[in-house]
Amino acid sequence: MMRALFFCAICVSACVALVGRASAYTLRSGLTDSCHERMTAAAFGELLDDVDLTVDDPPAGIWDEVARATFRDLIGDETVTSRFGRERAVRFVLFSLVAGVRAPDTGGYSTGNLSALRRIHLDPDSEKQYAHALRAARDDGLRGELRAVRGTRALLRSLIEQAIQAQARPYGERTVEVDFFLELYGQIEVSVFEPMYLLGQAIHALQDSHSHTIRSDDGAEILHVLNFVEAISGNLDPGVDGLAHSDKMDDCFGPVEPLVERAESRTTALAIAAREAFRGDESLLDRGLSRCPEGETERNDCGWIEYVASCENALREGLTDAQAAERCCTRDNDFCGSRWLEVARQEPSEPYLEATFGCSLSPPSGDGEPNGGLGWWMLAVLSALLMRRRAATAVVAVAIALTASSAPAHALDLTLRDAFAAVELHGSTFSGDLEGSFIDPSFGFAARGGYRFEPVSILIHAERNYWVSSEVDFGVLPGVLNVGAGAEILFADDRLRSSLVIGASILRFDAALDESGTTGFFLDVRPVGVRFGTGPYIHLVFDPIVVSSINPALGDPGIHVIQFRTVLGVEGHLP
């Protein structure tokens, strides 16, 4: 079982890394640099004084605390960050804008949530792929490639038009609620300024069109569109579906820096065009979404998302792909010798590694043998994996009762046996938050002790639990202090044990929405642990699976953490 869990952990870690890199220019996380956000903030730094892009009276709500806690690190630009910290209106505009830039990649989920990000990035809907300037599954051959370019351009135009319509509404109707993931708190609803939120999504598509395509040497024209959905599914035929998406093209530094600079300049041009469009003049937007005049491809106020002209003209004339090939950029001519081809062929996206394993479950046996209780414990753990955090707490409590009911009749004999004390180390990798990162490390130490009767023990428990942060920055958080009391049952000639502890959980640092010292409750459930005797009064204890529900902040939103721990300790007792 432990080998299977270890193998699964490796697989999930690899998958999370793969999914995280599917986001084109990287989003800020504990493992990746801010690229989308940095380019966006730099582009808007000169426009923050414009009356049309600020909000005189931002709404109340938790968005401000979320912005202060998260977006200073996401934005990066020092000039913008200084104003971000001082001015609430600027904070609201940038929060909405950057939230929109991140939305196509995260969908309001954690950047480490494998299932959510896989679902988002592998959505077969054409528009979902065009949001990242990628081919859809039906975009085969040269005509499909042209369709993908036009689809991305049309989507960008549609998002800007929606932003213009939102800006034209009465002031009180320009704010909407959207999903946003806040580390420790999970997925929450926050207020955003809708015109900026929609503009952020348009900016994402524009920026992705520079990392998900092979462009001409100067970055002006799109020569080839990459493919993610079929590369990941394992069905990619490069001659029909295009080259696979490249992780190397997603970098914000290195050989692709000239493309990044071009993307940033065009982001600024889009911001200026949007400002004028909000004022009723869409001419700059029209120019940006049209070809640059011949010989003026160095300009950034035009030709944002344009397919190579010679190939588009050939396809417009009705030529087949084979007939048009000599006027197009294909594998046969190394995509017209683009300087970006070598980079685009590095680190191609490939199918995820998947592993499954299972176990059989059985209800408690009528004779009260331990194997029945173990089956119900495994059901509790699997249920906790599949259910929301609050429901998981109830499941493990029911499992305790079911295990106790399977104990032999002499469980009611409360003869005092001895006193005991133990010191322990614990660690956890997986998270029970369905909206959060699959990989959510924590670790800590604990002391527990009490009196052992026959066969029930009463005990007190105190522990420090530290959390590893990875959503925006990578580091160790002080976590919580958990203190409580509970009971333990020994069985199988005292070689196995189960326990339940309930107590207070105290936050030990200032979180985004709660202060240090905020107190809630915790529940520690140990289905089956093993005791190894090393002497007459010493035992080593090992609990392979411990379910801990930690709830130091009970508000809405609050901090509710489910950890699946492994515990190792030393226990001493006196007769």
Protein backbone atom coordinates (compact mmCIF):
# COMPACT_ATOMS: atom_id res chain seq x y z
CA MET A 1 0.00 0.00 0.00
CA MET A 2 2.73 2.48 0.97
CA ARG A 3 4.66 1.69 -2.21
CA ALA A 4 1.54 2.41 -4.23
CA LEU A 5 0.99 5.70 -2.42
CA PHE A 6 4.64 6.68 -2.96
CA PHE A 7 4.40 5.88 -6.67
CA CYS A 8 1.17 7.86 -6.93
CA ALA A 9 2.83 10.85 -5.23
CA ILE A 10 5.63 10.84 -7.80
CA CYS A 11 3.11 10.63 -10.65
CA VAL A 12 0.97 13.46 -9.30
CA SER A 13 4.04 15.67 -8.75
CA ALA A 14 5.12 15.11 -12.34
CA CYS A 15 1.65 15.82 -13.65
CA VAL A 16 1.33 19.02 -11.64
CA ALA A 17 4.60 20.23 -13.13
CA LEU A 18 3.39 19.41 -16.64
CA VAL A 19 0.05 21.13 -16.19
CA GLY A 20 1.67 24.18 -14.64
CA ARG A 21 3.86 24.65 -17.71
CA ALA A 22 0.84 24.50 -20.04
CA SER A 23 0.01 28.12 -19.27
CA ALA A 24 2.14 29.79 -21.96
CA TYR A 25 4.11 32.65 -20.46
CA THR A 26 4.30 31.61 -16.84
CA LEU A 27 2.03 32.85 -14.10
CA ARG A 28 3.53 33.65 -10.72
CA SER A 29 3.64 30.69 -8.34
CA GLY A 30 6.03 29.27 -5.79
CA LEU A 31 7.80 27.44 -8.61
CA THR A 32 7.47 29.80 -11.60
CA ASP A 33 8.24 33.45 -12.33
CA SER A 34 5.71 36.19 -12.89
CA CYS A 35 5.59 36.73 -16.65
CA HIS A 36 1.99 37.37 -17.73
CA GLU A 37 1.47 39.62 -14.70
CA ARG A 38 4.77 41.47 -15.05
CA MET A 39 4.20 42.30 -18.72
CA THR A 40 0.65 43.43 -17.99
CA ALA A 41 1.56 45.67 -15.06
CA ALA A 42 4.43 47.24 -17.00
CA ALA A 43 2.10 48.01 -19.90
CA PHE A 44 -0.43 49.73 -17.65
CA GLY A 45 2.03 51.64 -15.49
CA GLU A 46 1.74 54.74 -17.68
CA LEU A 47 -2.06 54.60 -17.88
CA LEU A 48 -3.05 54.48 -14.23
CA ASP A 49 -3.67 58.26 -14.09
CA ASP A 50 -6.28 58.00 -16.82
CA VAL A 51 -9.73 58.67 -15.42
CA ASP A 52 -11.30 55.99 -17.58
CA LEU A 53 -9.09 53.29 -16.08
CA THR A 54 -9.56 54.11 -12.41
CA VAL A 55 -12.45 53.73 -10.02
CA ASP A 56 -13.27 56.62 -7.67
CA ASP A 57 -15.17 54.49 -5.14
CA PRO A 58 -14.15 50.80 -5.19
CA PRO A 59 -16.67 48.46 -3.57
CA ALA A 60 -16.37 47.04 -0.08
CA GLY A 61 -15.48 43.40 0.39
CA ILE A 62 -12.54 41.08 0.87
CA TRP A 63 -10.99 41.84 -2.53
CA ASP A 64 -8.77 44.49 -0.94
CA GLU A 65 -7.29 42.12 1.66
CA VAL A 66 -6.79 39.50 -1.06
CA ALA A 67 -5.09 42.05 -3.32
CA ARG A 68 -2.77 43.27 -0.58
CA ALA A 69 -1.82 39.73 0.43
CA THR A 70 -1.27 38.38 -3.07
CA PHE A 71 -0.84 40.86 -5.87
CA ARG A 72 2.18 42.86 -4.75
CA ASP A 73 4.30 39.78 -5.49
CA LEU A 74 2.41 39.02 -8.70
CA ILE A 75 2.86 42.45 -10.22
CA GLY A 76 6.59 42.89 -9.68
CA ASP A 77 6.97 46.34 -11.30
CA GLU A 78 8.29 48.65 -8.55
CA THR A 79 6.72 51.84 -9.88
CA VAL A 80 3.30 50.24 -10.13
CA THR A 81 3.72 48.38 -6.83
CA SER A 82 4.38 51.58 -4.90
CA ARG A 83 1.09 53.06 -6.06
CA PHE A 84 -0.61 49.70 -5.63
CA GLY A 85 0.17 49.84 -1.91
CA ARG A 86 -0.97 53.45 -1.42
CA GLU A 87 -4.07 53.90 -3.56
CA ARG A 88 -7.14 51.76 -3.18
CA ALA A 89 -8.58 52.70 -6.58
CA VAL A 90 -5.35 51.72 -8.34
CA ARG A 91 -5.34 48.49 -6.36
CA PHE A 92 -8.84 47.63 -7.55
CA VAL A 93 -8.02 48.29 -11.20
CA LEU A 94 -4.82 46.24 -11.15
CA PHE A 95 -6.35 43.47 -9.08
CA SER A 96 -9.17 43.14 -11.62
CA LEU A 97 -6.79 43.31 -14.56
CA VAL A 98 -4.30 40.75 -13.25
CA ALA A 99 -7.10 38.46 -12.06
CA GLY A 100 -8.39 38.52 -15.64
CA VAL A 101 -4.94 37.73 -17.01
CA ARG A 102 -4.67 34.70 -14.72
CA ALA A 103 -8.24 33.46 -15.24
CA PRO A 104 -7.77 31.61 -18.59
CA ASP A 105 -5.03 29.47 -17.04
CA THR A 106 -6.43 28.87 -13.54
CA GLY A 107 -10.22 29.15 -13.81
CA GLY A 108 -10.23 30.30 -10.18
CA TYR A 109 -8.37 27.21 -8.95
CA SER A 110 -4.92 26.70 -7.47
CA THR A 111 -1.99 26.65 -9.89
CA GLY A 112 -1.16 23.21 -8.45
CA ASN A 113 -4.60 21.64 -8.89
CA LEU A 114 -3.97 18.86 -11.40
CA SER A 115 -7.55 17.88 -12.19
CA ALA A 116 -8.86 21.44 -12.54
CA LEU A 117 -6.00 22.68 -14.73
CA ARG A 118 -6.09 19.55 -16.86
CA ARG A 119 -9.81 20.11 -17.41
CA ILE A 120 -9.26 23.75 -18.33
CA HIS A 121 -6.36 23.27 -20.71
CA LEU A 122 -7.72 20.14 -22.39
CA ASP A 123 -11.19 21.57 -22.99
CA PRO A 124 -11.98 20.52 -26.60
CA ASP A 125 -14.10 23.62 -27.21
CA SER A 126 -12.39 25.66 -29.93
CA GLU A 127 -12.80 28.97 -28.12
CA LYS A 128 -11.08 27.55 -25.03
CA GLN A 129 -8.01 26.74 -27.11
CA TYR A 130 -8.12 30.10 -28.91
CA ALA A 131 -8.01 31.78 -25.49
CA HIS A 132 -4.41 30.52 -25.43
CA ALA A 133 -3.73 31.10 -29.15
CA LEU A 134 -3.54 27.33 -29.73
CA ARG A 135 -5.05 25.04 -32.35
CA ALA A 136 -8.32 23.35 -31.54
CA ALA A 137 -8.66 19.63 -32.25
CA ARG A 138 -10.43 20.26 -35.57
CA ASP A 139 -7.86 22.78 -36.83
CA ASP A 140 -6.08 20.44 -39.23
CA GLY A 141 -3.67 21.40 -41.95
CA LEU A 142 -3.02 24.89 -43.24
CA ARG A 143 -6.68 25.85 -43.34
CA GLY A 144 -7.08 24.75 -39.74
CA GLU A 145 -4.06 26.80 -38.81
CA LEU A 146 -5.55 29.89 -40.43
CA ARG A 147 -8.83 29.17 -38.66
CA ALA A 148 -6.97 29.09 -35.31
CA VAL A 149 -5.34 32.47 -35.98
CA ARG A 150 -8.65 34.03 -36.98
CA GLY A 151 -10.36 32.41 -34.00
CA THR A 152 -7.85 33.92 -31.57
CA ARG A 153 -8.18 37.34 -33.20
CA ALA A 154 -11.99 37.16 -33.13
CA LEU A 155 -11.96 36.12 -29.47
CA LEU A 156 -9.71 39.05 -28.55
CA ARG A 157 -12.07 41.43 -30.39
CA SER A 158 -15.10 39.89 -28.65
CA LEU A 159 -13.54 40.31 -25.20
CA ILE A 160 -12.73 43.96 -25.89
CA GLU A 161 -16.27 44.57 -27.13
CA GLN A 162 -17.63 43.00 -23.93
CA ALA A 163 -15.30 45.23 -21.91
CA ILE A 164 -16.56 48.30 -23.79
CA GLN A 165 -20.15 47.31 -23.07
CA ALA A 166 -19.33 46.78 -19.39
CA GLN A 167 -17.64 50.20 -19.22
CA ALA A 168 -20.74 51.83 -20.73
CA ARG A 169 -23.04 50.52 -17.98
CA PRO A 170 -23.93 52.65 -14.94
CA TYR A 171 -21.12 52.75 -12.39
CA GLY A 172 -22.84 50.44 -9.91
CA GLU A 173 -23.25 47.73 -12.54
CA ARG A 174 -19.58 47.50 -13.59
CA THR A 175 -18.56 45.27 -10.67
CA VAL A 176 -19.00 41.48 -10.81
CA GLU A 177 -18.12 38.56 -8.55
CA VAL A 178 -15.63 35.98 -9.84
CA ASP A 179 -13.91 32.88 -8.45
CA PHE A 180 -10.38 33.34 -7.20
CA PHE A 181 -8.08 30.96 -5.34
CA LEU A 182 -6.53 32.34 -2.16
CA GLU A 183 -3.95 30.11 -0.52
CA LEU A 184 -5.17 28.58 2.77
CA TYR A 185 -8.72 29.78 2.12
CA GLY A 186 -9.42 27.89 -1.09
CA GLN A 187 -11.68 29.14 -3.85
CA ILE A 188 -13.48 32.33 -2.86
CA GLU A 189 -15.63 34.94 -4.60
CA VAL A 190 -14.14 38.40 -4.99
CA SER A 191 -15.33 41.62 -6.58
CA VAL A 192 -13.62 42.79 -9.77
CA PHE A 193 -14.05 45.75 -12.10
CA GLU A 194 -15.53 43.92 -15.09
CA PRO A 195 -14.06 46.06 -17.92
CA MET A 196 -10.53 45.43 -16.60
CA TYR A 197 -11.22 41.77 -15.88
CA LEU A 198 -12.34 41.18 -19.47
CA LEU A 199 -9.45 43.25 -20.81
CA GLY A 200 -7.08 41.04 -18.81
CA GLN A 201 -8.40 37.95 -20.61
CA ALA A 202 -7.89 39.65 -23.97
CA ILE A 203 -4.34 40.53 -22.98
CA HIS A 204 -3.71 36.89 -22.07
CA ALA A 205 -4.69 35.77 -25.59
CA LEU A 206 -2.49 38.45 -27.19
CA GLN A 207 0.52 37.51 -25.07
CA ASP A 208 0.00 33.78 -25.68
CA SER A 209 0.00 34.39 -29.42
CA HIS A 210 3.72 35.11 -29.06
CA SER A 211 4.56 31.93 -27.11
CA HIS A 212 2.18 29.42 -28.69
CA THR A 213 3.13 30.14 -32.27
CA ILE A 214 6.23 30.17 -34.43
CA ARG A 215 6.53 33.74 -35.67
CA SER A 216 8.69 35.48 -38.22
CA ASP A 217 12.13 36.51 -37.02
CA ASP A 218 10.91 39.97 -36.00
CA GLY A 219 7.81 38.55 -34.31
CA ALA A 220 5.46 40.37 -36.68
CA GLU A 221 3.65 37.48 -38.42
CA ILE A 222 2.47 34.06 -37.29
CA LEU A 223 4.04 31.31 -39.39
CA HIS A 224 2.75 28.28 -37.49
CA VAL A 225 0.34 27.59 -34.59
CA LEU A 226 1.27 25.00 -31.96
CA ASN A 227 -1.00 22.28 -30.60
CA PHE A 228 -1.51 21.39 -26.93
CA VAL A 229 -4.74 19.42 -26.67
CA GLU A 230 -3.76 16.69 -29.13
CA ALA A 231 -0.14 16.61 -27.96
CA ILE A 232 -1.27 15.86 -24.41
CA SER A 233 -3.91 13.34 -25.51
CA GLY A 234 -1.30 11.39 -27.50
CA ASN A 235 -3.10 11.82 -30.84
CA LEU A 236 -0.79 14.39 -32.41
CA ASP A 237 0.14 14.02 -36.08
CA PRO A 238 2.56 16.93 -36.67
CA GLY A 239 1.93 16.91 -40.41
CA VAL A 240 -1.79 17.51 -39.84
CA ASP A 241 -2.15 18.92 -36.33
CA GLY A 242 0.96 21.08 -36.15
CA LEU A 243 3.94 20.91 -33.81
CA ALA A 244 3.38 20.19 -30.12
CA HIS A 245 3.19 23.03 -27.63
CA SER A 246 6.68 23.79 -26.30
CA ASP A 247 7.49 24.46 -22.65
CA LYS A 248 10.64 26.24 -23.78
CA MET A 249 8.61 28.83 -25.69
CA ASP A 250 6.81 29.58 -22.42
CA ASP A 251 9.95 30.96 -20.80
CA CYS A 252 10.06 34.67 -20.17
CA PHE A 253 13.85 34.87 -20.44
CA GLY A 254 16.64 33.39 -22.52
CA PRO A 255 16.51 33.07 -26.32
CA VAL A 256 12.83 34.09 -26.52
CA GLU A 257 13.35 37.48 -24.84
CA PRO A 258 12.92 39.41 -28.12
CA LEU A 259 9.47 37.84 -28.48
CA VAL A 260 8.65 38.68 -24.87
CA GLU A 261 9.63 42.29 -25.50
CA ARG A 262 7.41 42.35 -28.59
CA ALA A 263 4.52 40.88 -26.61
CA GLU A 264 4.99 43.48 -23.87
CA SER A 265 5.05 46.36 -26.38
CA ARG A 266 1.88 45.08 -28.02
CA THR A 267 0.25 44.73 -24.59
CA THR A 268 0.90 48.44 -24.09
CA ALA A 269 -0.59 49.16 -27.52
CA LEU A 270 -3.68 47.10 -26.64
CA ALA A 271 -4.04 48.99 -23.35
CA ILE A 272 -3.96 52.33 -25.19
CA ALA A 273 -6.42 51.05 -27.79
CA ALA A 274 -8.77 49.87 -25.05
CA ARG A 275 -8.59 53.25 -23.32
CA GLU A 276 -9.64 55.02 -26.51
CA ALA A 277 -12.31 52.40 -27.21
CA PHE A 278 -13.80 53.07 -23.76
CA ARG A 279 -14.04 56.72 -24.84
CA GLY A 280 -15.88 55.73 -28.02
CA ASP A 281 -12.99 55.64 -30.51
CA GLU A 282 -12.25 52.10 -31.73
CA SER A 283 -9.90 53.13 -34.53
CA LEU A 284 -6.77 52.09 -32.61
CA LEU A 285 -8.33 48.71 -31.88
CA ASP A 286 -9.21 48.28 -35.54
CA ARG A 287 -5.65 49.13 -36.49
CA GLY A 288 -4.20 46.67 -34.00
CA LEU A 289 -6.35 43.87 -35.38
CA SER A 290 -5.42 44.66 -38.98
CA ARG A 291 -2.23 44.12 -40.97
CA CYS A 292 0.50 46.70 -40.76
CA PRO A 293 1.26 48.59 -43.96
CA GLU A 294 3.75 46.78 -46.16
CA GLY A 295 7.30 47.32 -44.97
CA GLU A 296 6.25 48.57 -41.51
CA THR A 297 6.24 45.30 -39.58
CA GLU A 298 8.32 46.82 -36.77
CA ARG A 299 5.25 48.73 -35.56
CA ASN A 300 3.39 47.49 -32.46
CA ASP A 301 0.14 49.36 -32.98
CA CYS A 302 -0.92 47.03 -35.80
CA GLY A 303 -0.73 43.41 -36.94
CA TRP A 304 -1.06 41.89 -33.47
CA ILE A 305 -2.39 38.51 -34.56
CA GLU A 306 -1.80 38.06 -38.29
CA TYR A 307 -1.07 34.90 -40.28
CA VAL A 308 1.77 34.95 -42.83
CA ALA A 309 0.34 36.98 -45.73
CA SER A 310 1.55 34.83 -48.62
CA CYS A 311 -0.04 31.69 -47.18
CA GLU A 312 -3.30 33.38 -46.25
CA ASN A 313 -3.62 34.78 -49.75
CA ALA A 314 -2.99 31.34 -51.26
CA LEU A 315 -5.71 29.79 -49.13
CA ARG A 316 -8.10 32.61 -49.98
CA GLU A 317 -7.57 31.81 -53.65
CA GLY A 318 -8.97 28.36 -52.99
CA LEU A 319 -5.74 26.41 -53.33
CA THR A 320 -5.48 23.09 -51.53
CA ASP A 321 -2.94 22.66 -48.75
CA ALA A 322 -0.62 20.86 -51.13
CA GLN A 323 -0.90 23.59 -53.73
CA ALA A 324 -0.48 26.39 -51.18
CA ALA A 325 2.45 24.75 -49.38
CA GLU A 326 5.14 26.46 -51.44
CA ARG A 327 3.74 29.86 -50.39
CA CYS A 328 3.37 28.82 -46.75
CA CYS A 329 5.67 28.00 -43.85
CA THR A 330 5.65 24.27 -43.18
CA ARG A 331 7.88 21.54 -41.81
CA ASP A 332 9.19 20.90 -45.32
CA ASN A 333 10.80 24.35 -45.47
CA ASP A 334 11.59 24.55 -41.72
CA PHE A 335 8.80 27.09 -41.29
CA CYS A 336 10.49 29.57 -43.59
CA GLY A 337 13.71 29.32 -41.59
CA SER A 338 12.26 31.02 -38.51
CA ARG A 339 14.81 31.69 -35.79
CA TRP A 340 12.25 30.42 -33.25
CA LEU A 341 11.94 26.92 -34.69
CA GLU A 342 14.85 25.51 -32.72
CA VAL A 343 13.31 26.77 -29.46
CA ALA A 344 9.82 25.55 -30.39
CA ARG A 345 11.11 22.00 -30.87
CA GLN A 346 12.51 21.85 -27.36
CA GLU A 347 10.57 20.39 -24.42
CA PRO A 348 7.42 19.46 -26.36
CA SER A 349 4.27 18.67 -24.41
CA GLU A 350 3.56 14.95 -24.15
CA PRO A 351 0.83 12.74 -22.63
CA TYR A 352 0.62 12.80 -18.84
CA LEU A 353 1.83 9.83 -16.83
CA GLU A 354 -1.17 8.28 -15.12
CA ALA A 355 -1.23 5.56 -12.47
CA THR A 356 -4.16 3.98 -10.70
CA PHE A 357 -4.35 1.65 -7.79
CA GLY A 358 -7.17 0.29 -5.63
CA CYS A 359 -7.99 -1.69 -2.56
CA SER A 360 -10.90 -3.84 -1.51
CA LEU A 361 -13.15 -2.80 1.36
CA SER A 362 -15.34 -4.88 3.61
CA PRO A 363 -17.73 -3.87 6.43
CA PRO A 364 -16.96 -4.81 10.05
CA SER A 365 -17.20 -8.56 10.60
CA GLY A 366 -19.70 -9.90 13.06
CA ASP A 367 -17.04 -11.33 15.38
CA GLY A 368 -15.34 -7.96 15.84
CA GLU A 369 -12.03 -8.93 14.18
CA PRO A 370 -9.79 -5.95 13.35
CA ASN A 371 -9.91 -6.48 9.59
CA GLY A 372 -13.47 -5.21 9.50
CA GLY A 373 -12.57 -1.96 11.22
CA LEU A 374 -9.64 -1.47 8.83
CA GLY A 375 -11.98 -1.67 5.86
CA TRP A 376 -14.16 1.07 7.27
CA TRP A 377 -11.06 3.16 7.98
CA MET A 378 -9.96 2.88 4.39
CA LEU A 379 -13.45 3.93 3.29
CA ALA A 380 -13.16 6.97 5.57
CA VAL A 381 -9.82 8.00 4.09
CA LEU A 382 -10.97 7.55 0.50
CA SER A 383 -14.15 9.46 1.26
CA ALA A 384 -12.10 12.29 2.72
CA LEU A 385 -10.13 12.43 -0.52
CA LEU A 386 -13.28 12.71 -2.58
CA MET A 387 -15.44 14.95 -0.40
CA ARG A 388 -15.21 18.57 0.66
CA ARG A 389 -13.30 19.43 3.78
CA ARG A 390 -16.24 19.86 6.15
CA ALA A 391 -17.89 16.63 5.05
CA ALA A 392 -14.62 14.74 5.50
CA THR A 393 -14.60 15.58 9.22
CA ALA A 394 -17.96 13.89 9.69
CA VAL A 395 -16.85 10.82 7.73
CA VAL A 396 -13.80 10.13 9.86
CA ALA A 397 -15.83 10.60 13.05
CA VAL A 398 -18.31 7.96 11.87
CA ALA A 399 -15.39 5.66 11.08
CA ILE A 400 -14.18 5.92 14.69
CA ALA A 401 -17.59 4.82 15.91
CA LEU A 402 -17.70 1.90 13.48
CA THR A 403 -14.26 0.72 14.56
CA ALA A 404 -15.17 0.98 18.22
CA SER A 405 -18.30 -1.05 17.57
CA SER A 406 -16.14 -3.85 16.19
CA ALA A 407 -14.02 -4.06 19.37
CA PRO A 408 -14.45 -7.15 21.60
CA ALA A 409 -16.88 -7.14 24.50
CA HIS A 410 -14.19 -6.66 27.16
CA ALA A 411 -13.67 -3.10 25.85
CA LEU A 412 -15.73 -1.87 28.80
CA ASP A 413 -13.21 -3.20 31.34
CA LEU A 414 -11.56 0.04 32.50
CA THR A 415 -8.74 -1.46 34.58
CA LEU A 416 -5.79 0.97 34.90
CA ARG A 417 -2.69 -0.49 33.23
CA ASP A 418 -0.03 2.21 33.03
CA ALA A 419 0.86 5.79 32.15
CA PHE A 420 2.53 6.65 28.86
CA ALA A 421 4.11 9.53 26.96
CA ALA A 422 5.27 9.88 23.36
CA VAL A 423 7.12 12.28 21.08
CA GLU A 424 6.35 12.25 17.35
CA LEU A 425 7.27 13.68 13.98
CA HIS A 426 4.68 14.02 11.23
CA GLY A 427 4.66 14.94 7.57
CA SER A 428 2.04 15.30 4.86
CA THR A 429 2.20 15.72 1.09
CA PHE A 430 -1.32 15.41 -0.27
CA SER A 431 -4.09 17.93 0.32
CA GLY A 432 -7.76 17.22 0.91
CA ASP A 433 -8.81 20.51 -0.70
CA LEU A 434 -10.56 19.73 -3.99
CA GLU A 435 -10.01 23.31 -5.16
CA GLY A 436 -6.41 23.58 -4.01
CA SER A 437 -3.06 22.13 -4.96
CA PHE A 438 -2.79 18.36 -4.99
CA ILE A 439 0.71 18.66 -3.54
CA ASP A 440 0.44 20.64 -0.29
CA PRO A 441 3.35 19.76 2.04
CA SER A 442 3.26 20.20 5.81
CA PHE A 443 5.33 18.88 8.69
CA GLY A 444 5.74 19.20 12.44
CA PHE A 445 6.23 17.56 15.81
CA ALA A 446 3.98 16.57 18.69
CA ALA A 447 3.91 15.27 22.24
CA ARG A 448 1.14 13.17 23.75
CA GLY A 449 0.61 11.24 26.94
CA GLY A 450 -2.00 9.87 29.27
CA TYR A 451 -3.28 6.85 31.14
CA ARG A 452 -3.96 3.48 29.57
CA PHE A 453 -6.85 1.38 30.79
CA GLU A 454 -8.01 -1.96 29.39
CA PRO A 455 -8.15 -1.46 26.41
CA VAL A 456 -8.94 2.27 26.15
CA SER A 457 -6.44 5.06 26.82
CA ILE A 458 -7.26 8.68 27.57
CA LEU A 459 -4.67 11.19 26.44
CA ILE A 460 -3.73 14.79 25.86
CA HIS A 461 -2.04 15.92 22.64
CA ALA A 462 -0.07 19.04 21.67
CA GLU A 463 1.61 19.69 18.31
CA ARG A 464 3.15 22.30 16.05
CA ASN A 465 2.18 21.96 12.42
CA TYR A 466 4.11 23.99 9.80
CA TRP A 467 2.80 24.63 6.28
CA VAL A 468 4.78 24.91 3.07
CA SER A 469 3.51 27.76 0.89
CA SER A 470 3.75 27.39 -2.90
CA GLU A 471 0.83 29.24 -4.52
CA VAL A 472 2.59 32.58 -4.97
CA ASP A 473 5.86 32.29 -3.05
CA PHE A 474 7.72 29.22 -1.86
CA GLY A 475 8.43 29.13 1.85
CA VAL A 476 7.52 27.71 5.24
CA LEU A 477 4.65 29.28 7.19
CA PRO A 478 4.42 29.03 11.02
CA GLY A 479 1.14 27.14 10.64
CA VAL A 480 -0.81 26.27 13.78
CA LEU A 481 -0.55 25.09 17.37
CA ASN A 482 -2.99 22.24 18.00
CA VAL A 483 -3.90 21.20 21.57
CA GLY A 484 -6.52 18.63 22.47
CA ALA A 485 -7.62 15.48 24.26
CA GLY A 486 -8.87 12.14 23.07
CA ALA A 487 -8.86 8.38 23.29
CA GLU A 488 -6.81 5.48 21.92
CA ILE A 489 -7.63 1.80 21.49
CA LEU A 490 -5.01 -0.98 21.40
CA PHE A 491 -5.75 -4.32 19.73
CA ALA A 492 -4.02 -7.31 18.11
CA ASP A 493 -2.02 -7.97 21.32
CA ASP A 494 -1.22 -4.27 21.63
CA ARG A 495 0.60 -4.25 18.30
CA LEU A 496 -1.99 -2.05 16.57
CA ARG A 497 -3.73 1.12 17.68
CA SER A 498 -6.43 3.57 16.64
CA SER A 499 -7.08 6.99 18.15
CA LEU A 500 -9.17 10.12 17.99
CA VAL A 501 -8.19 13.57 19.32
CA ILE A 502 -10.33 16.71 19.34
CA GLY A 503 -9.12 20.12 20.44
CA ALA A 504 -8.27 23.73 19.62
CA SER A 505 -6.30 24.89 16.59
CA ILE A 506 -4.52 28.24 17.00
CA LEU A 507 -3.18 30.20 14.01
CA ARG A 508 0.47 31.22 14.55
CA PHE A 509 0.87 33.92 11.88
CA ASP A 510 -1.07 36.71 10.21
CA ALA A 511 -2.89 35.18 7.24
CA ALA A 512 -4.54 37.17 4.44
CA LEU A 513 -7.90 37.45 6.21
CA ASP A 514 -7.16 36.39 9.81
CA GLU A 515 -4.70 37.43 12.51
CA SER A 516 -2.28 35.33 14.50
CA GLY A 517 -4.03 33.84 17.51
CA THR A 518 -7.31 33.17 15.73
CA THR A 519 -8.64 29.93 17.20
CA GLY A 520 -10.85 27.17 15.84
CA PHE A 521 -10.76 23.41 16.23
CA PHE A 522 -8.86 20.39 14.99
CA LEU A 523 -9.60 16.68 14.69
CA ASP A 524 -6.86 14.05 14.50
CA VAL A 525 -7.96 10.58 13.36
CA ARG A 526 -5.57 7.64 13.26
CA PRO A 527 -7.17 4.61 11.60
CA VAL A 528 -4.53 1.94 12.24
CA GLY A 529 -1.02 2.46 13.61
CA VAL A 530 1.68 -0.04 14.43
CA ARG A 531 3.61 -0.39 17.74
CA PHE A 532 7.06 -2.03 17.70
CA GLY A 533 8.49 -3.09 21.07
CA THR A 534 12.19 -2.23 21.56
CA GLY A 535 12.35 -2.93 25.29
CA PRO A 536 10.08 -3.52 28.26
CA TYR A 537 8.99 0.13 28.45
CA ILE A 538 9.75 1.57 25.00
CA HIS A 539 7.82 1.28 21.70
CA LEU A 540 8.34 2.75 18.28
CA VAL A 541 5.03 3.90 16.81
CA PHE A 542 4.20 4.27 13.12
CA ASP A 543 0.92 5.56 11.67
CA PRO A 544 1.01 5.31 7.85
CA ILE A 545 -2.22 7.26 7.30
CA VAL A 546 -3.49 9.93 9.68
CA VAL A 547 -6.39 12.20 8.72
CA SER A 548 -6.14 15.62 10.38
CA SER A 549 -8.82 18.26 9.98
CA ILE A 550 -7.33 21.64 10.95
CA ASN A 551 -9.68 24.62 11.20
CA PRO A 552 -8.03 27.59 12.94
CA ALA A 553 -10.27 30.22 11.28
CA LEU A 554 -13.98 29.41 11.27
CA GLY A 555 -15.23 32.43 9.32
CA ASP A 556 -16.51 32.49 5.77
CA PRO A 557 -14.10 32.24 4.11
CA GLY A 558 -12.13 30.45 6.76
CA ILE A 559 -9.08 28.23 6.91
CA HIS A 560 -10.08 24.57 6.70
CA VAL A 561 -7.27 22.14 5.98
CA ILE A 562 -7.42 18.37 5.56
CA GLN A 563 -4.01 16.69 5.83
CA PHE A 564 -3.14 13.07 5.13
CA ARG A 565 -0.14 12.55 7.35
CA THR A 566 2.41 9.88 8.15
CA VAL A 567 3.55 9.79 11.80
CA LEU A 568 6.68 8.27 13.37
CA GLY A 569 7.38 8.41 17.10
CA VAL A 570 8.76 6.92 20.29
CA GLU A 571 6.47 5.93 23.16
CA GLY A 572 7.52 5.18 26.73
CA HIS A 573 5.34 3.82 29.52
CA LEU A 574 5.50 2.94 33.21
CA PRO A 575 3.69 -0.11 34.63
